[in-house]
């Protein structure tokens, strides 16, 4: 495969990733709001220990990402999960 073709393919991949990232930043026309365990506890009206326990027992939705400090979730996903609970 030629270098020009590889560059074109990579450019297409970058464009798609930028599109996906932009879409992830917005939900329902609003900026994406990320929350951690402390914010989940606040939203749910429980202690951070309770929210952490939910996470450990697999009761929370899957986080969007896991950082060294822990998972991060979409606020909208957490609120939807709480509404079903």
N, C-alpha and C. Protein backbone atom coordinates (compact mmCIF):
# COMPACT_ATOMS: atom_id res chain seq x y z
N UNK A 1 0.85 -1.16 0.00
CA UNK A 1 0.00 0.00 0.00
C UNK A 1 0.90 1.24 0.00
N UNK A 2 0.56 2.19 -0.83
CA UNK A 2 1.39 3.38 -0.95
C UNK A 2 1.22 4.28 0.26
N UNK A 3 2.19 5.13 0.48
CA UNK A 3 2.13 6.08 1.59
C UNK A 3 0.95 7.03 1.41
N UNK A 4 0.70 7.47 0.19
CA UNK A 4 -0.42 8.38 -0.06
C UNK A 4 -1.75 7.73 0.31
N UNK A 5 -1.91 6.46 -0.03
CA UNK A 5 -3.13 5.75 0.31
C UNK A 5 -3.27 5.57 1.82
N UNK A 6 -2.17 5.24 2.50
CA UNK A 6 -2.19 5.11 3.95
C UNK A 6 -2.57 6.42 4.62
N UNK A 7 -2.00 7.52 4.13
CA UNK A 7 -2.33 8.84 4.68
C UNK A 7 -3.81 9.17 4.47
N UNK A 8 -4.33 8.83 3.31
CA UNK A 8 -5.74 9.09 3.02
C UNK A 8 -6.62 8.28 3.97
N UNK A 9 -6.27 7.02 4.20
CA UNK A 9 -7.04 6.18 5.11
C UNK A 9 -6.97 6.69 6.54
N UNK A 10 -5.78 7.11 6.95
CA UNK A 10 -5.63 7.66 8.29
C UNK A 10 -6.42 8.95 8.44
N UNK A 11 -6.42 9.75 7.41
CA UNK A 11 -7.19 11.00 7.45
C UNK A 11 -8.67 10.72 7.61
N UNK A 12 -9.16 9.70 6.91
CA UNK A 12 -10.56 9.30 7.05
C UNK A 12 -10.86 8.83 8.47
N UNK A 13 -9.93 8.06 9.05
CA UNK A 13 -10.12 7.58 10.42
C UNK A 13 -10.14 8.74 11.41
N UNK A 14 -9.26 9.70 11.23
CA UNK A 14 -9.22 10.87 12.10
C UNK A 14 -10.52 11.65 11.99
N UNK A 15 -11.00 11.83 10.77
CA UNK A 15 -12.28 12.53 10.57
C UNK A 15 -13.41 11.81 11.29
N UNK A 16 -13.45 10.49 11.21
CA UNK A 16 -14.49 9.72 11.88
C UNK A 16 -14.37 9.84 13.39
N UNK A 17 -13.15 9.77 13.91
CA UNK A 17 -12.94 9.91 15.35
C UNK A 17 -13.37 11.29 15.84
N UNK A 18 -13.05 12.33 15.07
CA UNK A 18 -13.47 13.68 15.44
C UNK A 18 -14.99 13.78 15.45
N UNK A 19 -15.62 13.17 14.46
CA UNK A 19 -17.08 13.16 14.41
C UNK A 19 -17.67 12.45 15.62
N UNK A 20 -17.12 11.27 15.95
CA UNK A 20 -17.61 10.50 17.10
C UNK A 20 -17.39 11.26 18.40
N UNK A 21 -16.25 11.93 18.53
CA UNK A 21 -15.97 12.70 19.73
C UNK A 21 -16.94 13.86 19.86
N UNK A 22 -17.20 14.54 18.76
CA UNK A 22 -18.15 15.64 18.79
C UNK A 22 -19.54 15.15 19.18
N UNK A 23 -19.93 14.00 18.66
CA UNK A 23 -21.24 13.43 19.01
C UNK A 23 -21.28 13.05 20.49
N UNK A 24 -20.18 12.53 21.00
CA UNK A 24 -20.13 12.15 22.42
C UNK A 24 -20.19 13.37 23.33
N UNK A 25 -19.69 14.48 22.85
CA UNK A 25 -19.71 15.70 23.65
C UNK A 25 -21.12 16.25 23.80
N UNK A 26 -21.99 15.85 22.94
CA UNK A 26 -23.35 16.37 22.96
C UNK A 26 -24.35 15.23 23.10
N UNK A 27 -25.28 15.43 24.00
CA UNK A 27 -26.40 14.50 24.13
C UNK A 27 -27.65 15.36 24.15
N UNK A 28 -28.55 15.05 23.28
CA UNK A 28 -29.79 15.82 23.18
C UNK A 28 -29.51 17.31 23.00
N UNK A 29 -28.47 17.63 22.23
CA UNK A 29 -28.15 19.02 21.96
C UNK A 29 -27.48 19.75 23.10
N UNK A 30 -27.17 19.04 24.18
CA UNK A 30 -26.53 19.65 25.34
C UNK A 30 -25.10 19.13 25.46
N UNK A 31 -24.21 19.95 26.03
CA UNK A 31 -22.85 19.45 26.25
C UNK A 31 -22.87 18.22 27.16
N UNK A 32 -21.99 17.29 26.91
CA UNK A 32 -21.88 16.08 27.72
C UNK A 32 -21.38 16.46 29.11
N UNK A 33 -22.10 16.04 30.13
CA UNK A 33 -21.69 16.29 31.51
C UNK A 33 -21.18 14.99 32.10
N UNK A 34 -19.94 14.99 32.53
CA UNK A 34 -19.34 13.81 33.13
C UNK A 34 -19.43 13.90 34.65
N UNK A 35 -19.65 12.75 35.27
CA UNK A 35 -19.74 12.68 36.73
C UNK A 35 -18.94 11.49 37.23
N UNK A 36 -18.45 11.63 38.45
CA UNK A 36 -17.76 10.55 39.14
C UNK A 36 -18.62 10.05 40.29
N UNK A 37 -18.04 9.22 41.11
CA UNK A 37 -18.77 8.62 42.24
C UNK A 37 -19.34 9.70 43.17
N UNK A 38 -18.57 10.73 43.48
CA UNK A 38 -19.05 11.78 44.39
C UNK A 38 -20.29 12.47 43.82
N UNK A 39 -20.26 12.76 42.52
CA UNK A 39 -21.41 13.41 41.89
C UNK A 39 -22.61 12.46 41.80
N UNK A 40 -22.34 11.20 41.53
CA UNK A 40 -23.43 10.21 41.49
C UNK A 40 -24.10 10.15 42.85
N UNK A 41 -23.30 10.13 43.91
CA UNK A 41 -23.85 10.11 45.26
C UNK A 41 -24.73 11.33 45.50
N UNK A 42 -24.25 12.49 45.08
CA UNK A 42 -25.02 13.72 45.25
C UNK A 42 -26.34 13.68 44.48
N UNK A 43 -26.28 13.24 43.24
CA UNK A 43 -27.48 13.15 42.40
C UNK A 43 -28.49 12.18 43.02
N UNK A 44 -27.98 11.05 43.54
CA UNK A 44 -28.85 10.00 44.08
C UNK A 44 -29.28 10.27 45.52
N UNK A 45 -28.64 11.24 46.17
CA UNK A 45 -28.99 11.52 47.56
C UNK A 45 -28.49 10.47 48.54
N UNK A 46 -27.34 9.88 48.21
CA UNK A 46 -26.73 8.87 49.08
C UNK A 46 -25.30 9.30 49.40
N UNK A 47 -24.65 8.55 50.26
CA UNK A 47 -23.25 8.86 50.59
C UNK A 47 -22.35 8.37 49.47
N UNK A 48 -21.16 8.96 49.36
CA UNK A 48 -20.20 8.44 48.37
C UNK A 48 -19.86 6.97 48.59
N UNK A 49 -19.85 6.52 49.86
CA UNK A 49 -19.58 5.10 50.12
C UNK A 49 -20.66 4.21 49.53
N UNK A 50 -21.91 4.65 49.59
CA UNK A 50 -23.00 3.86 49.00
C UNK A 50 -22.84 3.79 47.48
N UNK A 51 -22.54 4.93 46.86
CA UNK A 51 -22.35 4.95 45.40
C UNK A 51 -21.17 4.08 45.00
N UNK A 52 -20.10 4.12 45.78
CA UNK A 52 -18.93 3.27 45.50
C UNK A 52 -19.30 1.79 45.65
N UNK A 53 -20.13 1.49 46.63
CA UNK A 53 -20.59 0.11 46.82
C UNK A 53 -21.41 -0.35 45.62
N UNK A 54 -22.27 0.52 45.09
CA UNK A 54 -23.03 0.18 43.89
C UNK A 54 -22.08 -0.18 42.76
N UNK A 55 -21.02 0.62 42.62
CA UNK A 55 -20.04 0.38 41.55
C UNK A 55 -19.36 -0.97 41.74
N UNK A 56 -18.93 -1.25 42.97
CA UNK A 56 -18.22 -2.50 43.25
C UNK A 56 -19.11 -3.71 43.01
N UNK A 57 -20.41 -3.57 43.25
CA UNK A 57 -21.34 -4.68 43.07
C UNK A 57 -21.90 -4.75 41.65
N UNK A 58 -21.44 -3.84 40.77
CA UNK A 58 -21.89 -3.87 39.39
C UNK A 58 -23.29 -3.34 39.18
N UNK A 59 -23.77 -2.52 40.09
CA UNK A 59 -25.14 -2.01 39.98
C UNK A 59 -25.23 -0.72 39.17
N UNK A 60 -24.12 0.00 39.02
CA UNK A 60 -24.12 1.22 38.21
C UNK A 60 -23.99 0.86 36.74
N UNK A 61 -24.43 1.77 35.86
CA UNK A 61 -24.16 1.54 34.43
C UNK A 61 -22.65 1.50 34.19
N UNK A 62 -22.25 0.97 33.08
CA UNK A 62 -20.83 0.94 32.74
C UNK A 62 -20.32 2.37 32.58
N UNK A 63 -19.14 2.67 33.12
CA UNK A 63 -18.60 4.02 32.94
C UNK A 63 -18.17 4.24 31.49
N UNK A 64 -18.15 5.52 31.09
CA UNK A 64 -17.66 5.85 29.75
C UNK A 64 -16.16 5.62 29.66
N UNK A 65 -15.48 5.87 30.77
CA UNK A 65 -14.02 5.69 30.84
C UNK A 65 -13.65 5.43 32.28
N UNK A 66 -12.48 4.82 32.46
CA UNK A 66 -11.95 4.59 33.80
C UNK A 66 -10.59 5.26 33.88
N UNK A 67 -10.47 6.18 34.83
CA UNK A 67 -9.24 6.91 35.06
C UNK A 67 -8.57 6.38 36.32
N UNK A 68 -7.39 6.86 36.64
CA UNK A 68 -6.73 6.42 37.87
C UNK A 68 -7.58 6.69 39.10
N UNK A 69 -8.35 7.79 39.06
CA UNK A 69 -9.20 8.16 40.19
C UNK A 69 -10.52 7.38 40.20
N UNK A 70 -10.82 6.67 39.14
CA UNK A 70 -12.05 5.89 39.09
C UNK A 70 -12.81 6.13 37.81
N UNK A 71 -14.02 5.62 37.74
CA UNK A 71 -14.84 5.72 36.54
C UNK A 71 -15.45 7.10 36.38
N UNK A 72 -15.81 7.40 35.14
CA UNK A 72 -16.58 8.60 34.82
C UNK A 72 -17.76 8.19 33.97
N UNK A 73 -18.91 8.77 34.28
CA UNK A 73 -20.16 8.44 33.64
C UNK A 73 -20.78 9.69 33.03
N UNK A 74 -21.65 9.48 32.09
CA UNK A 74 -22.48 10.55 31.57
C UNK A 74 -23.56 10.82 32.61
N UNK A 75 -23.75 12.09 32.95
CA UNK A 75 -24.79 12.44 33.92
C UNK A 75 -26.16 11.95 33.43
N UNK A 76 -26.41 12.09 32.12
CA UNK A 76 -27.69 11.66 31.56
C UNK A 76 -27.88 10.15 31.73
N UNK A 77 -26.82 9.35 31.55
CA UNK A 77 -26.91 7.91 31.74
C UNK A 77 -27.23 7.57 33.20
N UNK A 78 -26.58 8.27 34.13
CA UNK A 78 -26.81 8.03 35.56
C UNK A 78 -28.24 8.41 35.93
N UNK A 79 -28.69 9.56 35.43
CA UNK A 79 -30.06 9.98 35.75
C UNK A 79 -31.10 9.01 35.18
N UNK A 80 -30.85 8.51 33.98
CA UNK A 80 -31.75 7.52 33.38
C UNK A 80 -31.74 6.23 34.20
N UNK A 81 -30.57 5.82 34.65
CA UNK A 81 -30.45 4.62 35.46
C UNK A 81 -31.21 4.79 36.77
N UNK A 82 -31.05 5.95 37.40
CA UNK A 82 -31.75 6.21 38.66
C UNK A 82 -33.26 6.23 38.46
N UNK A 83 -33.72 6.75 37.33
CA UNK A 83 -35.16 6.81 37.06
C UNK A 83 -35.76 5.41 36.93
N UNK A 84 -34.98 4.45 36.45
CA UNK A 84 -35.44 3.07 36.31
C UNK A 84 -35.38 2.30 37.62
N UNK A 85 -34.52 2.74 38.51
CA UNK A 85 -34.23 2.04 39.77
C UNK A 85 -35.40 2.04 40.69
